[in-house]
Amino acid sequence: MAKAQAKLVKEAQKIGRSRAREILKLRAVAQRKRRSARTARAKAAGLSARASMALAAESPGVLVAEGDSWFDYPFFDVLKNLEDIYGYDVESVAHKGDAVEEMAYGGQLVEFARRVEKVLDRGELLKAILLSGGGNDVAGDEFGMLLNHRVSAIRGLNGSVVSGVIDERIRAAYITILTIITQICIEKTGAAIPILVHGYDYPVPDGRGYLGGWWVLPGPWMEPGFRKKGFDDLDQNTEIARQLIDRFNEMIKGVAALPSFSHVKYVNLRKTLSNGPYYKKWWDNELHPTKEGFKEVTKKFVIELTKLSGTSPPAPPP
């Protein structure tokens, strides 16, 4: 097993380095064109092409984010709170509904590289990279596949399927994404920029979707799968969801602990939000926190971000 896991890590990192080279090659062409245009405009105006804005003194730092709906939720989310409450400057390519496999093997990280370049071209320093993903890989239409039927002798989570999805498929994608981001940052800044990754908190699969199951985040994402497999007890379903979230978090924590990822920090969000009797105060629907819930989640990120500079967490305004 250890040999197989070591092979997976090696192959995922190999793919990540290869993808990073492809992305950097694409961005090098674009950067040359942009520099040429800037130089021409600067000469015409009599300005230096190197002129750039300094980092705003009041800003705690500049962040670049890639992720899913926890970073791209209508009206409120982690990134909006980091900007609006704590004053961080955030460049984001996060998009609701994205799966980690799409991030790892699609074209999203080309846009990530462009955002990093924009920050550096302004003469600003990157404080950290934020990465969120995985919920869309296990919820929705895929969720029922993780369950054995309630009346089966092996009822509950299907261990082998869960392991294949979380410990192999999502893990490999995360290692590839982190390798790509790391290589891009080393190429652009000369150093591995700290990366914050997170799991999720314990949801309540009560069948609530976004605004009752409407618009771009319809839902529900878990209850239909439970119902299809014969599970109709909310307390029992909530416990199964807790087990799944624990499996996911332990996988993320393990990836962040790999020797090659010493700059990757795992943010543990479990038990930030209640899944008890008054859970609706904290959970907007099956998968997303309320406005107050996102504020509590954001505090966990701020604590980790301030550890990077050894300062006390900035207090949010009253």
C-alpha atoms as a PDB file:
ATOM      1  CA  MET A   1       0.000   0.000   0.000  1.00  0.00           C
ATOM      2  CA  ALA A   2       2.811   2.411   0.938  1.00  0.00           C
ATOM      3  CA  LYS A   3       4.591   1.694  -2.353  1.00  0.00           C
ATOM      4  CA  ALA A   4       1.379   2.291  -4.296  1.00  0.00           C
ATOM      5  CA  GLN A   5       0.743   5.587  -2.476  1.00  0.00           C
ATOM      6  CA  ALA A   6       4.324   6.721  -3.134  1.00  0.00           C
ATOM      7  CA  LYS A   7       3.838   5.903  -6.818  1.00  0.00           C
ATOM      8  CA  LEU A   8       0.588   7.913  -6.863  1.00  0.00           C
ATOM      9  CA  VAL A   9       2.307  10.926  -5.294  1.00  0.00           C
ATOM     10  CA  LYS A  10       5.191  10.724  -7.759  1.00  0.00           C
ATOM     11  CA  GLU A  11       2.914  10.417 -10.785  1.00  0.00           C
ATOM     12  CA  ALA A  12       0.564  13.204  -9.636  1.00  0.00           C
ATOM     13  CA  GLN A  13       3.521  15.530  -9.059  1.00  0.00           C
ATOM     14  CA  LYS A  14       4.956  14.589 -12.457  1.00  0.00           C
ATOM     15  CA  ILE A  15       1.656  15.528 -14.099  1.00  0.00           C
ATOM     16  CA  GLY A  16       1.576  18.745 -12.046  1.00  0.00           C
ATOM     17  CA  ARG A  17       5.066  19.787 -13.154  1.00  0.00           C
ATOM     18  CA  SER A  18       4.217  19.038 -16.774  1.00  0.00           C
ATOM     19  CA  ARG A  19       0.973  21.041 -16.589  1.00  0.00           C
ATOM     20  CA  ALA A  20       2.809  23.890 -14.852  1.00  0.00           C
ATOM     21  CA  ARG A  21       5.311  24.059 -17.744  1.00  0.00           C
ATOM     22  CA  GLU A  22       2.457  24.187 -20.256  1.00  0.00           C
ATOM     23  CA  ILE A  23       0.697  26.955 -18.337  1.00  0.00           C
ATOM     24  CA  LEU A  24       3.883  28.974 -17.863  1.00  0.00           C
ATOM     25  CA  LYS A  25       4.653  28.672 -21.592  1.00  0.00           C
ATOM     26  CA  LEU A  26       1.205  30.003 -22.491  1.00  0.00           C
ATOM     27  CA  ARG A  27       1.519  32.846 -20.011  1.00  0.00           C
ATOM     28  CA  ALA A  28       5.040  33.771 -21.196  1.00  0.00           C
ATOM     29  CA  VAL A  29       3.679  34.514 -24.669  1.00  0.00           C
ATOM     30  CA  ALA A  30       0.875  36.635 -23.223  1.00  0.00           C
ATOM     31  CA  GLN A  31       3.248  38.498 -20.917  1.00  0.00           C
ATOM     32  CA  ARG A  32       5.612  39.385 -23.755  1.00  0.00           C
ATOM     33  CA  LYS A  33       2.712  40.919 -25.672  1.00  0.00           C
ATOM     34  CA  ARG A  34       1.557  42.875 -22.621  1.00  0.00           C
ATOM     35  CA  ARG A  35       5.060  44.164 -21.846  1.00  0.00           C
ATOM     36  CA  SER A  36       5.489  45.275 -25.443  1.00  0.00           C
ATOM     37  CA  ALA A  37       2.208  47.197 -25.373  1.00  0.00           C
ATOM     38  CA  ARG A  38       3.035  48.788 -22.001  1.00  0.00           C
ATOM     39  CA  THR A  39       6.465  49.863 -23.213  1.00  0.00           C
ATOM     40  CA  ALA A  40       4.987  51.500 -26.302  1.00  0.00           C
ATOM     41  CA  ARG A  41       2.407  53.412 -24.235  1.00  0.00           C
ATOM     42  CA  ALA A  42       5.026  54.433 -21.645  1.00  0.00           C
ATOM     43  CA  LYS A  43       7.349  55.820 -24.307  1.00  0.00           C
ATOM     44  CA  ALA A  44       4.515  57.763 -25.882  1.00  0.00           C
ATOM     45  CA  ALA A  45       3.581  59.266 -22.513  1.00  0.00           C
ATOM     46  CA  GLY A  46       7.146  59.762 -21.310  1.00  0.00           C
ATOM     47  CA  LEU A  47       6.606  57.381 -18.340  1.00  0.00           C
ATOM     48  CA  SER A  48       8.684  54.480 -17.093  1.00  0.00           C
ATOM     49  CA  ALA A  49       7.345  51.079 -18.032  1.00  0.00           C
ATOM     50  CA  ARG A  50       8.331  49.898 -14.561  1.00  0.00           C
ATOM     51  CA  ALA A  51       6.025  52.297 -12.734  1.00  0.00           C
ATOM     52  CA  SER A  52       3.569  50.411 -10.565  1.00  0.00           C
ATOM     53  CA  MET A  53       1.333  50.879  -7.576  1.00  0.00           C
ATOM     54  CA  ALA A  54       2.749  50.106  -4.136  1.00  0.00           C
ATOM     55  CA  LEU A  55       0.950  47.794  -1.813  1.00  0.00           C
ATOM     56  CA  ALA A  56      -1.704  49.697   0.119  1.00  0.00           C
ATOM     57  CA  ALA A  57      -0.366  50.248   3.628  1.00  0.00           C
ATOM     58  CA  GLU A  58      -3.642  49.367   5.274  1.00  0.00           C
ATOM     59  CA  SER A  59      -3.947  45.998   3.548  1.00  0.00           C
ATOM     60  CA  PRO A  60      -3.039  42.886   5.594  1.00  0.00           C
ATOM     61  CA  GLY A  61      -1.905  41.235   2.361  1.00  0.00           C
ATOM     62  CA  VAL A  62      -2.725  40.103  -1.151  1.00  0.00           C
ATOM     63  CA  LEU A  63      -4.297  36.684  -1.716  1.00  0.00           C
ATOM     64  CA  VAL A  64      -4.988  34.699  -4.885  1.00  0.00           C
ATOM     65  CA  ALA A  65      -7.756  32.124  -4.667  1.00  0.00           C
ATOM     66  CA  GLU A  66      -8.940  29.139  -6.677  1.00  0.00           C
ATOM     67  CA  GLY A  67     -11.960  27.159  -5.615  1.00  0.00           C
ATOM     68  CA  ASP A  68     -15.627  26.306  -5.548  1.00  0.00           C
ATOM     69  CA  SER A  69     -18.797  27.850  -4.094  1.00  0.00           C
ATOM     70  CA  TRP A  70     -17.338  28.339  -0.606  1.00  0.00           C
ATOM     71  CA  PHE A  71     -15.204  30.981  -2.358  1.00  0.00           C
ATOM     72  CA  ASP A  72     -17.887  31.990  -4.882  1.00  0.00           C
ATOM     73  CA  TYR A  73     -21.304  32.097  -3.223  1.00  0.00           C
ATOM     74  CA  PRO A  74     -23.950  34.705  -4.050  1.00  0.00           C
ATOM     75  CA  PHE A  75     -23.720  37.795  -1.808  1.00  0.00           C
ATOM     76  CA  PHE A  76     -21.462  36.313   0.895  1.00  0.00           C
ATOM     77  CA  ASP A  77     -18.609  33.804   1.114  1.00  0.00           C
ATOM     78  CA  VAL A  78     -15.105  33.398   2.555  1.00  0.00           C
ATOM     79  CA  LEU A  79     -13.387  35.650   0.010  1.00  0.00           C
ATOM     80  CA  LYS A  80     -15.934  38.454   0.240  1.00  0.00           C
ATOM     81  CA  ASN A  81     -15.498  38.421   4.011  1.00  0.00           C
ATOM     82  CA  LEU A  82     -11.717  38.475   3.768  1.00  0.00           C
ATOM     83  CA  GLU A  83     -11.965  41.594   1.614  1.00  0.00           C
ATOM     84  CA  ASP A  84     -14.921  43.407   3.145  1.00  0.00           C
ATOM     85  CA  ILE A  85     -14.438  42.571   6.817  1.00  0.00           C
ATOM     86  CA  TYR A  86     -10.693  42.061   7.191  1.00  0.00           C
ATOM     87  CA  GLY A  87      -9.324  44.245   4.396  1.00  0.00           C
ATOM     88  CA  TYR A  88      -7.335  41.672   2.429  1.00  0.00           C
ATOM     89  CA  ASP A  89      -6.907  42.223  -1.297  1.00  0.00           C
ATOM     90  CA  VAL A  90      -8.158  39.135  -3.117  1.00  0.00           C
ATOM     91  CA  GLU A  91      -7.679  38.051  -6.714  1.00  0.00           C
ATOM     92  CA  SER A  92     -10.007  35.119  -7.372  1.00  0.00           C
ATOM     93  CA  VAL A  93     -10.592  32.582 -10.127  1.00  0.00           C
ATOM     94  CA  ALA A  94     -12.969  30.549  -7.943  1.00  0.00           C
ATOM     95  CA  HIS A  95     -16.184  29.407  -9.586  1.00  0.00           C
ATOM     96  CA  LYS A  96     -19.233  27.800  -8.018  1.00  0.00           C
ATOM     97  CA  GLY A  97     -19.781  24.227  -9.150  1.00  0.00           C
ATOM     98  CA  ASP A  98     -16.157  23.511 -10.058  1.00  0.00           C
ATOM     99  CA  ALA A  99     -14.791  20.071  -9.193  1.00  0.00           C
ATOM    100  CA  VAL A 100     -11.154  19.550  -8.238  1.00  0.00           C
ATOM    101  CA  GLU A 101     -10.590  17.377 -11.301  1.00  0.00           C
ATOM    102  CA  GLU A 102     -11.694  20.274 -13.506  1.00  0.00           C
ATOM    103  CA  MET A 103      -9.261  22.546 -11.657  1.00  0.00           C
ATOM    104  CA  ALA A 104      -6.397  20.068 -11.949  1.00  0.00           C
ATOM    105  CA  TYR A 105      -6.766  18.932 -15.540  1.00  0.00           C
ATOM    106  CA  GLY A 106      -8.753  21.720 -17.219  1.00  0.00           C
ATOM    107  CA  GLY A 107      -7.787  25.270 -18.077  1.00  0.00           C
ATOM    108  CA  GLN A 108      -8.742  27.111 -14.880  1.00  0.00           C
ATOM    109  CA  LEU A 109      -5.186  27.385 -13.579  1.00  0.00           C
ATOM    110  CA  VAL A 110      -4.093  29.332 -16.654  1.00  0.00           C
ATOM    111  CA  GLU A 111      -6.299  32.121 -15.314  1.00  0.00           C
ATOM    112  CA  PHE A 112      -4.743  31.584 -11.877  1.00  0.00           C
ATOM    113  CA  ALA A 113      -1.296  32.242 -13.362  1.00  0.00           C
ATOM    114  CA  ARG A 114      -2.607  35.432 -14.985  1.00  0.00           C
ATOM    115  CA  ARG A 115      -3.923  36.687 -11.638  1.00  0.00           C
ATOM    116  CA  VAL A 116      -0.554  36.028  -9.995  1.00  0.00           C
ATOM    117  CA  GLU A 117       1.108  38.041 -12.747  1.00  0.00           C
ATOM    118  CA  LYS A 118      -1.321  40.942 -12.243  1.00  0.00           C
ATOM    119  CA  VAL A 119      -0.431  41.108  -8.544  1.00  0.00           C
ATOM    120  CA  LEU A 120       3.301  41.054  -9.232  1.00  0.00           C
ATOM    121  CA  ASP A 121       3.007  43.588 -12.063  1.00  0.00           C
ATOM    122  CA  ARG A 122       1.442  46.001  -9.593  1.00  0.00           C
ATOM    123  CA  GLY A 123       4.540  45.687  -7.450  1.00  0.00           C
ATOM    124  CA  GLU A 124       2.653  43.811  -4.749  1.00  0.00           C
ATOM    125  CA  LEU A 125       3.726  40.780  -2.745  1.00  0.00           C
ATOM    126  CA  LEU A 126       1.670  37.626  -2.428  1.00  0.00           C
ATOM    127  CA  LYS A 127       0.826  36.728   1.147  1.00  0.00           C
ATOM    128  CA  ALA A 128      -0.837  33.386   0.402  1.00  0.00           C
ATOM    129  CA  ILE A 129      -2.788  31.231  -2.027  1.00  0.00           C
ATOM    130  CA  LEU A 130      -6.199  29.902  -1.006  1.00  0.00           C
ATOM    131  CA  LEU A 131      -7.558  26.647  -2.437  1.00  0.00           C
ATOM    132  CA  SER A 132     -11.057  25.237  -1.923  1.00  0.00           C
ATOM    133  CA  GLY A 133     -12.538  22.191  -3.605  1.00  0.00           C
ATOM    134  CA  GLY A 134     -13.916  18.694  -3.350  1.00  0.00           C
ATOM    135  CA  GLY A 135     -17.530  19.201  -2.305  1.00  0.00           C
ATOM    136  CA  ASN A 136     -18.743  19.009  -5.887  1.00  0.00           C
ATOM    137  CA  ASP A 137     -16.808  15.773  -6.397  1.00  0.00           C
ATOM    138  CA  VAL A 138     -18.763  13.853  -3.766  1.00  0.00           C
ATOM    139  CA  ALA A 139     -22.148  15.616  -3.634  1.00  0.00           C
ATOM    140  CA  GLY A 140     -24.960  15.852  -6.169  1.00  0.00           C
ATOM    141  CA  ASP A 141     -25.582  13.025  -8.628  1.00  0.00           C
ATOM    142  CA  GLU A 142     -22.416  11.262  -7.452  1.00  0.00           C
ATOM    143  CA  PHE A 143     -23.380  11.091  -3.792  1.00  0.00           C
ATOM    144  CA  GLY A 144     -25.698   8.069  -4.006  1.00  0.00           C
ATOM    145  CA  MET A 145     -22.856   6.003  -5.460  1.00  0.00           C
ATOM    146  CA  LEU A 146     -21.005   6.345  -2.159  1.00  0.00           C
ATOM    147  CA  LEU A 147     -23.814   4.583  -0.257  1.00  0.00           C
ATOM    148  CA  ASN A 148     -24.853   0.985   0.184  1.00  0.00           C
ATOM    149  CA  HIS A 149     -28.638   0.544   0.533  1.00  0.00           C
ATOM    150  CA  ARG A 150     -30.126   0.944   4.013  1.00  0.00           C
ATOM    151  CA  VAL A 151     -31.547  -2.599   4.108  1.00  0.00           C
ATOM    152  CA  SER A 152     -28.294  -4.105   2.860  1.00  0.00           C
ATOM    153  CA  ALA A 153     -26.039  -6.103   5.174  1.00  0.00           C
ATOM    154  CA  ILE A 154     -23.343  -3.561   4.342  1.00  0.00           C
ATOM    155  CA  ARG A 155     -25.547  -0.459   4.791  1.00  0.00           C
ATOM    156  CA  GLY A 156     -23.961   2.982   5.015  1.00  0.00           C
ATOM    157  CA  LEU A 157     -20.916   4.362   3.261  1.00  0.00           C
ATOM    158  CA  ASN A 158     -19.305   2.004   0.766  1.00  0.00           C
ATOM    159  CA  GLY A 159     -15.711   2.004   2.005  1.00  0.00           C
ATOM    160  CA  SER A 160     -14.097   0.933  -1.241  1.00  0.00           C
ATOM    161  CA  VAL A 161     -16.018   3.463  -3.349  1.00  0.00           C
ATOM    162  CA  VAL A 162     -15.351   6.287  -0.860  1.00  0.00           C
ATOM    163  CA  SER A 163     -11.670   5.369  -0.805  1.00  0.00           C
ATOM    164  CA  GLY A 164     -11.514   5.329  -4.585  1.00  0.00           C
ATOM    165  CA  VAL A 165     -13.157   8.739  -4.881  1.00  0.00           C
ATOM    166  CA  ILE A 166     -11.536  10.563  -1.954  1.00  0.00           C
ATOM    167  CA  ASP A 167      -8.252   8.774  -1.284  1.00  0.00           C
ATOM    168  CA  GLU A 168      -7.355   8.212  -4.920  1.00  0.00           C
ATOM    169  CA  ARG A 169      -9.223  10.428  -7.393  1.00  0.00           C
ATOM    170  CA  ILE A 170      -9.586  13.636  -5.352  1.00  0.00           C
ATOM    171  CA  ARG A 171      -6.240  13.131  -3.605  1.00  0.00           C
ATOM    172  CA  ALA A 172      -4.404  12.785  -6.915  1.00  0.00           C
ATOM    173  CA  ALA A 173      -6.147  15.909  -8.237  1.00  0.00           C
ATOM    174  CA  TYR A 174      -5.211  17.888  -5.124  1.00  0.00           C
ATOM    175  CA  ILE A 175      -1.566  16.844  -5.350  1.00  0.00           C
ATOM    176  CA  THR A 176      -1.523  17.873  -9.003  1.00  0.00           C
ATOM    177  CA  ILE A 177      -3.178  21.252  -8.306  1.00  0.00           C
ATOM    178  CA  LEU A 178      -0.821  22.014  -5.414  1.00  0.00           C
ATOM    179  CA  THR A 179       2.168  21.077  -7.551  1.00  0.00           C
ATOM    180  CA  ILE A 180       1.000  23.325 -10.394  1.00  0.00           C
ATOM    181  CA  ILE A 181       0.388  26.270  -8.055  1.00  0.00           C
ATOM    182  CA  THR A 182       3.723  25.727  -6.311  1.00  0.00           C
ATOM    183  CA  GLN A 183       5.662  25.588  -9.577  1.00  0.00           C
ATOM    184  CA  ILE A 184       3.939  28.701 -10.934  1.00  0.00           C
ATOM    185  CA  CYS A 185       4.709  30.663  -7.768  1.00  0.00           C
ATOM    186  CA  ILE A 186       8.354  29.527  -7.712  1.00  0.00           C
ATOM    187  CA  GLU A 187       8.756  30.548 -11.353  1.00  0.00           C
ATOM    188  CA  LYS A 188       7.070  33.912 -10.822  1.00  0.00           C
ATOM    189  CA  THR A 189       8.368  34.876  -7.367  1.00  0.00           C
ATOM    190  CA  GLY A 190      11.391  32.696  -6.718  1.00  0.00           C
ATOM    191  CA  ALA A 191       9.738  31.056  -3.699  1.00  0.00           C
ATOM    192  CA  ALA A 192       6.959  28.668  -2.745  1.00  0.00           C
ATOM    193  CA  ILE A 193       4.120  30.907  -1.540  1.00  0.00           C
ATOM    194  CA  PRO A 194       2.090  29.561   1.429  1.00  0.00           C
ATOM    195  CA  ILE A 195      -1.056  27.744   0.324  1.00  0.00           C
ATOM    196  CA  LEU A 196      -4.098  27.313   2.567  1.00  0.00           C
ATOM    197  CA  VAL A 197      -6.354  24.307   1.931  1.00  0.00           C
ATOM    198  CA  HIS A 198      -9.421  23.220   3.879  1.00  0.00           C
ATOM    199  CA  GLY A 199     -11.958  20.462   4.311  1.00  0.00           C
ATOM    200  CA  TYR A 200     -15.586  21.214   5.086  1.00  0.00           C
ATOM    201  CA  ASP A 201     -17.710  21.277   8.222  1.00  0.00           C
ATOM    202  CA  TYR A 202     -20.398  18.740   9.116  1.00  0.00           C
ATOM    203  CA  PRO A 203     -23.569  19.428   7.054  1.00  0.00           C
ATOM    204  CA  VAL A 204     -27.174  18.440   7.690  1.00  0.00           C
ATOM    205  CA  PRO A 205     -28.633  16.652   4.612  1.00  0.00           C
ATOM    206  CA  ASP A 206     -32.176  17.945   5.126  1.00  0.00           C
ATOM    207  CA  GLY A 207     -33.091  18.371   1.460  1.00  0.00           C
ATOM    208  CA  ARG A 208     -32.681  22.156   1.318  1.00  0.00           C
ATOM    209  CA  GLY A 209     -31.184  23.596  -1.865  1.00  0.00           C
ATOM    210  CA  TYR A 210     -30.152  27.139  -2.699  1.00  0.00           C
ATOM    211  CA  LEU A 211     -33.279  29.333  -2.487  1.00  0.00           C
ATOM    212  CA  GLY A 212     -35.372  26.177  -2.430  1.00  0.00           C
ATOM    213  CA  GLY A 213     -33.444  24.552  -5.273  1.00  0.00           C
ATOM    214  CA  TRP A 214     -33.370  27.404  -7.745  1.00  0.00           C
ATOM    215  CA  TRP A 215     -30.839  29.199  -9.934  1.00  0.00           C
ATOM    216  CA  VAL A 216     -27.128  28.368 -10.325  1.00  0.00           C
ATOM    217  CA  LEU A 217     -26.751  26.418  -7.074  1.00  0.00           C
ATOM    218  CA  PRO A 218     -29.959  24.380  -7.118  1.00  0.00           C
ATOM    219  CA  GLY A 219     -29.507  21.429  -4.790  1.00  0.00           C
ATOM    220  CA  PRO A 220     -30.319  19.549  -2.726  1.00  0.00           C
ATOM    221  CA  TRP A 221     -27.076  17.642  -3.094  1.00  0.00           C
ATOM    222  CA  MET A 222     -27.279  14.793  -0.564  1.00  0.00           C
ATOM    223  CA  GLU A 223     -30.866  14.023   0.481  1.00  0.00           C
ATOM    224  CA  PRO A 224     -31.894  12.595  -2.956  1.00  0.00           C
ATOM    225  CA  GLY A 225     -29.011  10.117  -2.745  1.00  0.00           C
ATOM    226  CA  PHE A 226     -29.972   9.098   0.764  1.00  0.00           C
ATOM    227  CA  ARG A 227     -33.622   8.698  -0.248  1.00  0.00           C
ATOM    228  CA  LYS A 228     -32.717   6.616  -3.294  1.00  0.00           C
ATOM    229  CA  LYS A 229     -30.783   4.221  -1.052  1.00  0.00           C
ATOM    230  CA  GLY A 230     -33.614   3.944   1.474  1.00  0.00           C
ATOM    231  CA  PHE A 231     -32.279   6.296   4.174  1.00  0.00           C
ATOM    232  CA  ASP A 232     -35.034   8.473   5.620  1.00  0.00           C
ATOM    233  CA  ASP A 233     -33.843   9.292   9.146  1.00  0.00           C
ATOM    234  CA  LEU A 234     -32.227  12.754   9.319  1.00  0.00           C
ATOM    235  CA  ASP A 235     -30.144  11.990  12.411  1.00  0.00           C
ATOM    236  CA  GLN A 236     -28.767   8.836  10.819  1.00  0.00           C
ATOM    237  CA  ASN A 237     -28.083  10.640   7.558  1.00  0.00           C
ATOM    238  CA  THR A 238     -26.333  13.473   9.404  1.00  0.00           C
ATOM    239  CA  GLU A 239     -24.043  10.935  11.083  1.00  0.00           C
ATOM    240  CA  ILE A 240     -23.176   9.348   7.730  1.00  0.00           C
ATOM    241  CA  ALA A 241     -22.443  12.814   6.327  1.00  0.00           C
ATOM    242  CA  ARG A 242     -20.154  13.429   9.317  1.00  0.00           C
ATOM    243  CA  GLN A 243     -18.227  10.240   8.549  1.00  0.00           C
ATOM    244  CA  LEU A 244     -17.807  11.315   4.916  1.00  0.00           C
ATOM    245  CA  ILE A 245     -16.573  14.787   5.908  1.00  0.00           C
ATOM    246  CA  ASP A 246     -14.079  13.253   8.335  1.00  0.00           C
ATOM    247  CA  ARG A 247     -12.710  11.030   5.558  1.00  0.00           C
ATOM    248  CA  PHE A 248     -12.357  14.043   3.281  1.00  0.00           C
ATOM    249  CA  ASN A 249     -10.657  16.186   5.928  1.00  0.00           C
ATOM    250  CA  GLU A 250      -8.173  13.483   6.868  1.00  0.00           C
ATOM    251  CA  MET A 251      -7.232  13.115   3.203  1.00  0.00           C
ATOM    252  CA  ILE A 252      -6.645  16.877   2.837  1.00  0.00           C
ATOM    253  CA  LYS A 253      -4.682  16.975   6.081  1.00  0.00           C
ATOM    254  CA  GLY A 254      -2.513  14.107   4.842  1.00  0.00           C
ATOM    255  CA  VAL A 255      -1.779  15.803   1.520  1.00  0.00           C
ATOM    256  CA  ALA A 256      -0.738  18.994   3.314  1.00  0.00           C
ATOM    257  CA  ALA A 257       1.634  16.898   5.445  1.00  0.00           C
ATOM    258  CA  LEU A 258       3.575  15.527   2.455  1.00  0.00           C
ATOM    259  CA  PRO A 259       7.269  16.521   2.682  1.00  0.00           C
ATOM    260  CA  SER A 260       7.171  18.376  -0.632  1.00  0.00           C
ATOM    261  CA  PHE A 261       4.273  20.519   0.611  1.00  0.00           C
ATOM    262  CA  SER A 262       5.792  22.073   3.742  1.00  0.00           C
ATOM    263  CA  HIS A 263       4.390  25.442   2.566  1.00  0.00           C
ATOM    264  CA  VAL A 264       0.832  24.053   2.467  1.00  0.00           C
ATOM    265  CA  LYS A 265      -1.295  24.707   5.556  1.00  0.00           C
ATOM    266  CA  TYR A 266      -4.447  22.735   6.359  1.00  0.00           C
ATOM    267  CA  VAL A 267      -7.342  24.741   7.851  1.00  0.00           C
ATOM    268  CA  ASN A 268      -9.613  22.532   9.976  1.00  0.00           C
ATOM    269  CA  LEU A 269     -13.172  23.868   9.730  1.00  0.00           C
ATOM    270  CA  ARG A 270     -14.894  20.989  11.515  1.00  0.00           C
ATOM    271  CA  LYS A 271     -17.089  22.015  14.482  1.00  0.00           C
ATOM    272  CA  THR A 272     -17.021  25.652  13.369  1.00  0.00           C
ATOM    273  CA  LEU A 273     -20.741  25.472  12.574  1.00  0.00           C
ATOM    274  CA  SER A 274     -23.354  23.580  14.557  1.00  0.00           C
ATOM    275  CA  ASN A 275     -25.244  20.661  13.027  1.00  0.00           C
ATOM    276  CA  GLY A 276     -27.426  20.389  16.116  1.00  0.00           C
ATOM    277  CA  PRO A 277     -31.010  21.537  16.776  1.00  0.00           C
ATOM    278  CA  TYR A 278     -30.376  25.142  15.693  1.00  0.00           C
ATOM    279  CA  TYR A 279     -28.269  24.300  12.655  1.00  0.00           C
ATOM    280  CA  LYS A 280     -30.310  26.511  10.302  1.00  0.00           C
ATOM    281  CA  LYS A 281     -28.733  29.563  11.944  1.00  0.00           C
ATOM    282  CA  TRP A 282     -25.409  28.381  10.513  1.00  0.00           C
ATOM    283  CA  TRP A 283     -26.341  26.373   7.418  1.00  0.00           C
ATOM    284  CA  ASP A 284     -28.091  28.128   4.516  1.00  0.00           C
ATOM    285  CA  ASN A 285     -28.729  24.773   2.859  1.00  0.00           C
ATOM    286  CA  GLU A 286     -27.220  21.292   2.739  1.00  0.00           C
ATOM    287  CA  LEU A 287     -23.741  22.394   1.672  1.00  0.00           C
ATOM    288  CA  HIS A 288     -23.330  26.134   2.295  1.00  0.00           C
ATOM    289  CA  PRO A 289     -23.154  28.251   5.454  1.00  0.00           C
ATOM    290  CA  THR A 290     -25.429  31.199   6.156  1.00  0.00           C
ATOM    291  CA  LYS A 291     -24.041  34.730   6.183  1.00  0.00           C
ATOM    292  CA  GLU A 292     -23.220  34.334   9.881  1.00  0.00           C
ATOM    293  CA  GLY A 293     -21.836  30.880   9.223  1.00  0.00           C
ATOM    294  CA  PHE A 294     -19.433  32.148   6.563  1.00  0.00           C
ATOM    295  CA  LYS A 295     -18.228  34.796   9.020  1.00  0.00           C
ATOM    296  CA  GLU A 296     -17.286  32.070  11.500  1.00  0.00           C
ATOM    297  CA  VAL A 297     -15.555  30.054   8.767  1.00  0.00           C
ATOM    298  CA  THR A 298     -13.630  33.137   7.629  1.00  0.00           C
ATOM    299  CA  LYS A 299     -12.267  33.659  11.140  1.00  0.00           C
ATOM    300  CA  LYS A 300     -10.481  30.310  10.862  1.00  0.00           C
ATOM    301  CA  PHE A 301      -8.752  31.459   7.659  1.00  0.00           C
ATOM    302  CA  VAL A 302      -7.760  34.782   9.239  1.00  0.00           C
ATOM    303  CA  ILE A 303      -6.148  32.970  12.181  1.00  0.00           C
ATOM    304  CA  GLU A 304      -4.030  30.894   9.807  1.00  0.00           C
ATOM    305  CA  LEU A 305      -3.164  33.888   7.623  1.00  0.00           C
ATOM    306  CA  THR A 306      -1.943  35.918  10.577  1.00  0.00           C
ATOM    307  CA  LYS A 307       0.249  33.029  11.703  1.00  0.00           C
ATOM    308  CA  LEU A 308       2.195  33.502   8.472  1.00  0.00           C
ATOM    309  CA  SER A 309       3.368  36.939   9.610  1.00  0.00           C
ATOM    310  CA  GLY A 310       3.389  36.269  13.347  1.00  0.00           C
ATOM    311  CA  THR A 311       0.843  38.990  14.088  1.00  0.00           C
ATOM    312  CA  SER A 312      -2.450  38.969  15.970  1.00  0.00           C
ATOM    313  CA  PRO A 313      -5.586  38.444  13.887  1.00  0.00           C
ATOM    314  CA  PRO A 314      -7.105  41.775  12.825  1.00  0.00           C
ATOM    315  CA  ALA A 315     -10.354  42.458  14.631  1.00  0.00           C
ATOM    316  CA  PRO A 316     -13.410  42.758  12.384  1.00  0.00           C
ATOM    317  CA  PRO A 317     -15.267  46.083  12.591  1.00  0.00           C
ATOM    318  CA  PRO A 318     -18.254  46.196  14.968  1.00  0.00           C
END
